[in-house]
């Protein structure tokens, strides 16, 4: 799976923090958010609220997506 890395930076009271992030579909069909070296599975509600267009993800598999989120839709 070839992932594109995107950069983020934000300010805190202790200075600025930066790193990379990515949104991709895992092999089981779930949509994943990677921040640095931390991985989080996004719920269907989170995908909707963030207005993510999952159809533009590289190698998006609609059938795997539906299978993964069928109980949340």
PDB file of N, CA and C in Angstrom:
ATOM      1  N   UNK A   1       0.851  -1.173   0.000  1.00  0.00           N
ATOM      2  CA  UNK A   1       0.000   0.000   0.000  1.00  0.00           C
ATOM      3  C   UNK A   1       0.898   1.237   0.000  1.00  0.00           C
ATOM      4  N   UNK A   2       0.775   2.045  -1.006  1.00  0.00           N
ATOM      5  CA  UNK A   2       1.563   3.257  -1.112  1.00  0.00           C
ATOM      6  C   UNK A   2       0.784   4.413  -0.514  1.00  0.00           C
ATOM      7  N   UNK A   3       1.301   4.993   0.561  1.00  0.00           N
ATOM      8  CA  UNK A   3       0.591   6.070   1.252  1.00  0.00           C
ATOM      9  C   UNK A   3       1.307   7.402   1.021  1.00  0.00           C
ATOM     10  N   UNK A   4       0.539   8.443   0.767  1.00  0.00           N
ATOM     11  CA  UNK A   4       1.096   9.785   0.688  1.00  0.00           C
ATOM     12  C   UNK A   4       1.083  10.395   2.067  1.00  0.00           C
ATOM     13  N   UNK A   5       2.166  11.038   2.447  1.00  0.00           N
ATOM     14  CA  UNK A   5       2.255  11.653   3.763  1.00  0.00           C
ATOM     15  C   UNK A   5       1.976  13.153   3.638  1.00  0.00           C
ATOM     16  N   UNK A   6       1.178  13.648   4.543  1.00  0.00           N
ATOM     17  CA  UNK A   6       0.833  15.057   4.595  1.00  0.00           C
ATOM     18  C   UNK A   6       1.395  15.613   5.894  1.00  0.00           C
ATOM     19  N   UNK A   7       1.799  16.836   5.886  1.00  0.00           N
ATOM     20  CA  UNK A   7       2.455  17.455   7.030  1.00  0.00           C
ATOM     21  C   UNK A   7       1.474  18.311   7.818  1.00  0.00           C
ATOM     22  N   UNK A   8       1.599  18.315   9.155  1.00  0.00           N
ATOM     23  CA  UNK A   8       0.804  19.201   9.990  1.00  0.00           C
ATOM     24  C   UNK A   8       1.710  19.895  11.003  1.00  0.00           C
ATOM     25  N   UNK A   9       1.306  21.091  11.403  1.00  0.00           N
ATOM     26  CA  UNK A   9       1.983  21.854  12.447  1.00  0.00           C
ATOM     27  C   UNK A   9       0.927  22.586  13.243  1.00  0.00           C
ATOM     28  N   UNK A  10       1.086  22.595  14.575  1.00  0.00           N
ATOM     29  CA  UNK A  10       0.178  23.355  15.418  1.00  0.00           C
ATOM     30  C   UNK A  10       0.944  23.897  16.621  1.00  0.00           C
ATOM     31  N   UNK A  11       0.407  24.963  17.184  1.00  0.00           N
ATOM     32  CA  UNK A  11       1.042  25.646  18.308  1.00  0.00           C
ATOM     33  C   UNK A  11       0.469  25.157  19.634  1.00  0.00           C
ATOM     34  N   UNK A  12       1.326  25.011  20.615  1.00  0.00           N
ATOM     35  CA  UNK A  12       0.915  24.676  21.977  1.00  0.00           C
ATOM     36  C   UNK A  12       1.550  25.684  22.922  1.00  0.00           C
ATOM     37  N   UNK A  13       1.208  25.607  24.180  1.00  0.00           N
ATOM     38  CA  UNK A  13       1.820  26.521  25.153  1.00  0.00           C
ATOM     39  C   UNK A  13       3.317  26.249  25.301  1.00  0.00           C
ATOM     40  N   UNK A  14       3.763  25.055  24.933  1.00  0.00           N
ATOM     41  CA  UNK A  14       5.180  24.692  25.032  1.00  0.00           C
ATOM     42  C   UNK A  14       5.921  24.884  23.710  1.00  0.00           C
ATOM     43  N   UNK A  15       5.261  25.456  22.714  1.00  0.00           N
ATOM     44  CA  UNK A  15       5.888  25.654  21.401  1.00  0.00           C
ATOM     45  C   UNK A  15       5.074  24.972  20.322  1.00  0.00           C
ATOM     46  N   UNK A  16       5.699  24.761  19.185  1.00  0.00           N
ATOM     47  CA  UNK A  16       4.968  24.147  18.083  1.00  0.00           C
ATOM     48  C   UNK A  16       5.267  22.655  17.986  1.00  0.00           C
ATOM     49  N   UNK A  17       4.301  21.925  17.470  1.00  0.00           N
ATOM     50  CA  UNK A  17       4.418  20.488  17.227  1.00  0.00           C
ATOM     51  C   UNK A  17       4.178  20.259  15.742  1.00  0.00           C
ATOM     52  N   UNK A  18       4.860  19.302  15.180  1.00  0.00           N
ATOM     53  CA  UNK A  18       4.642  18.991  13.777  1.00  0.00           C
ATOM     54  C   UNK A  18       4.862  17.509  13.536  1.00  0.00           C
ATOM     55  N   UNK A  19       4.349  17.057  12.417  1.00  0.00           N
ATOM     56  CA  UNK A  19       4.471  15.655  12.061  1.00  0.00           C
ATOM     57  C   UNK A  19       3.770  15.396  10.746  1.00  0.00           C
ATOM     58  N   UNK A  20       3.431  14.140  10.517  1.00  0.00           N
ATOM     59  CA  UNK A  20       2.751  13.783   9.283  1.00  0.00           C
ATOM     60  C   UNK A  20       1.432  13.095   9.604  1.00  0.00           C
ATOM     61  N   UNK A  21       0.526  13.134   8.632  1.00  0.00           N
ATOM     62  CA  UNK A  21      -0.746  12.438   8.777  1.00  0.00           C
ATOM     63  C   UNK A  21      -1.137  11.808   7.448  1.00  0.00           C
ATOM     64  N   UNK A  22      -2.019  10.846   7.526  1.00  0.00           N
ATOM     65  CA  UNK A  22      -2.513  10.196   6.326  1.00  0.00           C
ATOM     66  C   UNK A  22      -3.902   9.630   6.607  1.00  0.00           C
ATOM     67  N   UNK A  23      -4.736   9.578   5.608  1.00  0.00           N
ATOM     68  CA  UNK A  23      -6.044   8.931   5.679  1.00  0.00           C
ATOM     69  C   UNK A  23      -6.059   7.904   4.565  1.00  0.00           C
ATOM     70  N   UNK A  24      -6.342   6.655   4.930  1.00  0.00           N
ATOM     71  CA  UNK A  24      -6.300   5.585   3.944  1.00  0.00           C
ATOM     72  C   UNK A  24      -7.274   4.481   4.341  1.00  0.00           C
ATOM     73  N   UNK A  25      -7.499   3.562   3.421  1.00  0.00           N
ATOM     74  CA  UNK A  25      -8.367   2.420   3.696  1.00  0.00           C
ATOM     75  C   UNK A  25      -7.482   1.208   4.000  1.00  0.00           C
ATOM     76  N   UNK A  26      -7.760   0.569   5.128  1.00  0.00           N
ATOM     77  CA  UNK A  26      -6.997  -0.632   5.480  1.00  0.00           C
ATOM     78  C   UNK A  26      -7.537  -1.828   4.694  1.00  0.00           C
ATOM     79  N   UNK A  27      -6.858  -2.931   4.789  1.00  0.00           N
ATOM     80  CA  UNK A  27      -7.255  -4.126   4.030  1.00  0.00           C
ATOM     81  C   UNK A  27      -8.631  -4.646   4.411  1.00  0.00           C
ATOM     82  N   UNK A  28      -9.054  -4.396   5.669  1.00  0.00           N
ATOM     83  CA  UNK A  28     -10.376  -4.887   6.088  1.00  0.00           C
ATOM     84  C   UNK A  28     -11.503  -3.925   5.701  1.00  0.00           C
ATOM     85  N   UNK A  29     -11.175  -2.826   5.024  1.00  0.00           N
ATOM     86  CA  UNK A  29     -12.178  -1.885   4.540  1.00  0.00           C
ATOM     87  C   UNK A  29     -12.361  -0.651   5.400  1.00  0.00           C
ATOM     88  N   UNK A  30     -11.795  -0.647   6.601  1.00  0.00           N
ATOM     89  CA  UNK A  30     -11.972   0.503   7.489  1.00  0.00           C
ATOM     90  C   UNK A  30     -11.126   1.685   7.018  1.00  0.00           C
ATOM     91  N   UNK A  31     -11.612   2.880   7.324  1.00  0.00           N
ATOM     92  CA  UNK A  31     -10.897   4.106   6.999  1.00  0.00           C
ATOM     93  C   UNK A  31     -10.052   4.473   8.212  1.00  0.00           C
ATOM     94  N   UNK A  32      -8.771   4.677   7.978  1.00  0.00           N
ATOM     95  CA  UNK A  32      -7.808   4.903   9.043  1.00  0.00           C
ATOM     96  C   UNK A  32      -7.224   6.312   8.970  1.00  0.00           C
ATOM     97  N   UNK A  33      -6.995   6.881  10.151  1.00  0.00           N
ATOM     98  CA  UNK A  33      -6.292   8.151  10.278  1.00  0.00           C
ATOM     99  C   UNK A  33      -4.976   7.851  10.970  1.00  0.00           C
ATOM    100  N   UNK A  34      -3.888   8.230  10.333  1.00  0.00           N
ATOM    101  CA  UNK A  34      -2.569   8.064  10.922  1.00  0.00           C
ATOM    102  C   UNK A  34      -2.020   9.449  11.239  1.00  0.00           C
ATOM    103  N   UNK A  35      -1.658   9.666  12.502  1.00  0.00           N
ATOM    104  CA  UNK A  35      -1.001  10.896  12.948  1.00  0.00           C
ATOM    105  C   UNK A  35       0.344  10.485  13.512  1.00  0.00           C
ATOM    106  N   UNK A  36       1.408  10.813  12.806  1.00  0.00           N
ATOM    107  CA  UNK A  36       2.719  10.348  13.222  1.00  0.00           C
ATOM    108  C   UNK A  36       2.731   8.835  13.178  1.00  0.00           C
ATOM    109  N   UNK A  37       3.016   8.226  14.317  1.00  0.00           N
ATOM    110  CA  UNK A  37       3.057   6.767  14.380  1.00  0.00           C
ATOM    111  C   UNK A  37       1.844   6.183  15.107  1.00  0.00           C
ATOM    112  N   UNK A  38       0.798   6.989  15.281  1.00  0.00           N
ATOM    113  CA  UNK A  38      -0.440   6.536  15.924  1.00  0.00           C
ATOM    114  C   UNK A  38      -1.508   6.316  14.848  1.00  0.00           C
ATOM    115  N   UNK A  39      -2.267   5.242  14.995  1.00  0.00           N
ATOM    116  CA  UNK A  39      -3.297   4.879  14.029  1.00  0.00           C
ATOM    117  C   UNK A  39      -4.654   4.829  14.731  1.00  0.00           C
ATOM    118  N   UNK A  40      -5.679   5.405  14.085  1.00  0.00           N
ATOM    119  CA  UNK A  40      -7.031   5.397  14.629  1.00  0.00           C
ATOM    120  C   UNK A  40      -8.006   4.999  13.533  1.00  0.00           C
ATOM    121  N   UNK A  41      -8.879   4.047  13.845  1.00  0.00           N
ATOM    122  CA  UNK A  41      -9.946   3.674  12.924  1.00  0.00           C
ATOM    123  C   UNK A  41     -11.050   4.708  13.060  1.00  0.00           C
ATOM    124  N   UNK A  42     -11.465   5.288  11.951  1.00  0.00           N
ATOM    125  CA  UNK A  42     -12.545   6.270  11.974  1.00  0.00           C
ATOM    126  C   UNK A  42     -13.885   5.560  11.921  1.00  0.00           C
ATOM    127  N   UNK A  43     -14.821   6.027  12.729  1.00  0.00           N
ATOM    128  CA  UNK A  43     -16.180   5.496  12.687  1.00  0.00           C
ATOM    129  C   UNK A  43     -16.904   6.086  11.478  1.00  0.00           C
ATOM    130  N   UNK A  44     -18.017   5.492  11.129  1.00  0.00           N
ATOM    131  CA  UNK A  44     -18.809   6.012  10.021  1.00  0.00           C
ATOM    132  C   UNK A  44     -19.262   7.448  10.304  1.00  0.00           C
ATOM    133  N   UNK A  45     -19.663   7.728  11.549  1.00  0.00           N
ATOM    134  CA  UNK A  45     -20.076   9.093  11.913  1.00  0.00           C
ATOM    135  C   UNK A  45     -18.928  10.085  11.757  1.00  0.00           C
ATOM    136  N   UNK A  46     -17.719   9.677  12.143  1.00  0.00           N
ATOM    137  CA  UNK A  46     -16.557  10.559  11.996  1.00  0.00           C
ATOM    138  C   UNK A  46     -16.277  10.840  10.526  1.00  0.00           C
ATOM    139  N   UNK A  47     -16.394   9.831   9.692  1.00  0.00           N
ATOM    140  CA  UNK A  47     -16.178  10.016   8.253  1.00  0.00           C
ATOM    141  C   UNK A  47     -17.196  11.011   7.704  1.00  0.00           C
ATOM    142  N   UNK A  48     -18.453  10.871   8.121  1.00  0.00           N
ATOM    143  CA  UNK A  48     -19.495  11.812   7.687  1.00  0.00           C
ATOM    144  C   UNK A  48     -19.234  13.220   8.201  1.00  0.00           C
ATOM    145  N   UNK A  49     -18.942  13.347   9.499  1.00  0.00           N
ATOM    146  CA  UNK A  49     -18.737  14.676  10.100  1.00  0.00           C
ATOM    147  C   UNK A  49     -17.535  15.403   9.503  1.00  0.00           C
ATOM    148  N   UNK A  50     -16.502  14.649   9.166  1.00  0.00           N
ATOM    149  CA  UNK A  50     -15.321  15.248   8.542  1.00  0.00           C
ATOM    150  C   UNK A  50     -15.509  15.472   7.042  1.00  0.00           C
ATOM    151  N   UNK A  51     -16.639  14.979   6.531  1.00  0.00           N
ATOM    152  CA  UNK A  51     -16.972  15.093   5.104  1.00  0.00           C
ATOM    153  C   UNK A  51     -15.861  14.535   4.219  1.00  0.00           C
ATOM    154  N   UNK A  52     -15.361  13.372   4.609  1.00  0.00           N
ATOM    155  CA  UNK A  52     -14.309  12.735   3.834  1.00  0.00           C
ATOM    156  C   UNK A  52     -14.900  12.083   2.592  1.00  0.00           C
ATOM    157  N   UNK A  53     -14.290  12.336   1.459  1.00  0.00           N
ATOM    158  CA  UNK A  53     -14.689  11.694   0.214  1.00  0.00           C
ATOM    159  C   UNK A  53     -13.856  10.426   0.075  1.00  0.00           C
ATOM    160  N   UNK A  54     -14.345   9.335   0.638  1.00  0.00           N
ATOM    161  CA  UNK A  54     -13.579   8.090   0.656  1.00  0.00           C
ATOM    162  C   UNK A  54     -13.360   7.535  -0.744  1.00  0.00           C
ATOM    163  N   UNK A  55     -14.204   7.906  -1.690  1.00  0.00           N
ATOM    164  CA  UNK A  55     -14.110   7.387  -3.048  1.00  0.00           C
ATOM    165  C   UNK A  55     -12.845   7.845  -3.765  1.00  0.00           C
ATOM    166  N   UNK A  56     -12.195   8.891  -3.275  1.00  0.00           N
ATOM    167  CA  UNK A  56     -10.968   9.365  -3.924  1.00  0.00           C
ATOM    168  C   UNK A  56      -9.709   8.753  -3.307  1.00  0.00           C
ATOM    169  N   UNK A  57      -9.868   7.932  -2.273  1.00  0.00           N
ATOM    170  CA  UNK A  57      -8.700   7.283  -1.674  1.00  0.00           C
ATOM    171  C   UNK A  57      -8.084   6.304  -2.675  1.00  0.00           C
ATOM    172  N   UNK A  58      -6.778   6.260  -2.687  1.00  0.00           N
ATOM    173  CA  UNK A  58      -6.072   5.358  -3.603  1.00  0.00           C
ATOM    174  C   UNK A  58      -6.482   3.918  -3.307  1.00  0.00           C
ATOM    175  N   UNK A  59      -6.813   3.172  -4.339  1.00  0.00           N
ATOM    176  CA  UNK A  59      -7.203   1.762  -4.248  1.00  0.00           C
ATOM    177  C   UNK A  59      -8.419   1.537  -3.355  1.00  0.00           C
ATOM    178  N   UNK A  60      -9.351   2.500  -3.352  1.00  0.00           N
ATOM    179  CA  UNK A  60     -10.562   2.366  -2.539  1.00  0.00           C
ATOM    180  C   UNK A  60     -11.370   1.161  -3.001  1.00  0.00           C
ATOM    181  N   UNK A  61     -11.804   0.344  -2.037  1.00  0.00           N
ATOM    182  CA  UNK A  61     -12.607  -0.850  -2.319  1.00  0.00           C
ATOM    183  C   UNK A  61     -13.980  -0.653  -1.682  1.00  0.00           C
ATOM    184  N   UNK A  62     -14.971  -0.340  -2.510  1.00  0.00           N
ATOM    185  CA  UNK A  62     -16.311  -0.042  -2.018  1.00  0.00           C
ATOM    186  C   UNK A  62     -16.930  -1.232  -1.287  1.00  0.00           C
ATOM    187  N   UNK A  63     -16.765  -2.416  -1.823  1.00  0.00           N
ATOM    188  CA  UNK A  63     -17.353  -3.603  -1.191  1.00  0.00           C
ATOM    189  C   UNK A  63     -16.769  -3.839   0.202  1.00  0.00           C
ATOM    190  N   UNK A  64     -15.463  -3.694   0.347  1.00  0.00           N
ATOM    191  CA  UNK A  64     -14.818  -3.856   1.659  1.00  0.00           C
ATOM    192  C   UNK A  64     -15.287  -2.771   2.626  1.00  0.00           C
ATOM    193  N   UNK A  65     -15.484  -1.552   2.117  1.00  0.00           N
ATOM    194  CA  UNK A  65     -15.968  -0.432   2.933  1.00  0.00           C
ATOM    195  C   UNK A  65     -17.365  -0.728   3.474  1.00  0.00           C
ATOM    196  N   UNK A  66     -18.265  -1.156   2.612  1.00  0.00           N
ATOM    197  CA  UNK A  66     -19.632  -1.478   3.012  1.00  0.00           C
ATOM    198  C   UNK A  66     -19.630  -2.626   4.016  1.00  0.00           C
ATOM    199  N   UNK A  67     -18.842  -3.646   3.757  1.00  0.00           N
ATOM    200  CA  UNK A  67     -18.756  -4.793   4.666  1.00  0.00           C
ATOM    201  C   UNK A  67     -18.269  -4.347   6.052  1.00  0.00           C
ATOM    202  N   UNK A  68     -17.288  -3.468   6.087  1.00  0.00           N
ATOM    203  CA  UNK A  68     -16.717  -3.018   7.350  1.00  0.00           C
ATOM    204  C   UNK A  68     -17.682  -2.148   8.138  1.00  0.00           C
ATOM    205  N   UNK A  69     -18.417  -1.275   7.450  1.00  0.00           N
ATOM    206  CA  UNK A  69     -19.255  -0.295   8.134  1.00  0.00           C
ATOM    207  C   UNK A  69     -20.751  -0.639   8.089  1.00  0.00           C
ATOM    208  N   UNK A  70     -21.112  -1.836   7.670  1.00  0.00           N
ATOM    209  CA  UNK A  70     -22.527  -2.184   7.486  1.00  0.00           C
ATOM    210  C   UNK A  70     -23.359  -2.018   8.742  1.00  0.00           C
ATOM    211  N   UNK A  71     -22.798  -2.209   9.907  1.00  0.00           N
ATOM    212  CA  UNK A  71     -23.561  -2.068  11.157  1.00  0.00           C
ATOM    213  C   UNK A  71     -23.632  -0.621  11.649  1.00  0.00           C
ATOM    214  N   UNK A  72     -22.888   0.283  11.014  1.00  0.00           N
ATOM    215  CA  UNK A  72     -22.884   1.683  11.431  1.00  0.00           C
ATOM    216  C   UNK A  72     -23.687   2.578  10.489  1.00  0.00           C
ATOM    217  N   UNK A  73     -23.965   2.085   9.305  1.00  0.00           N
ATOM    218  CA  UNK A  73     -24.646   2.905   8.288  1.00  0.00           C
ATOM    219  C   UNK A  73     -26.136   2.984   8.621  1.00  0.00           C
TER     220      UNK A  73
END
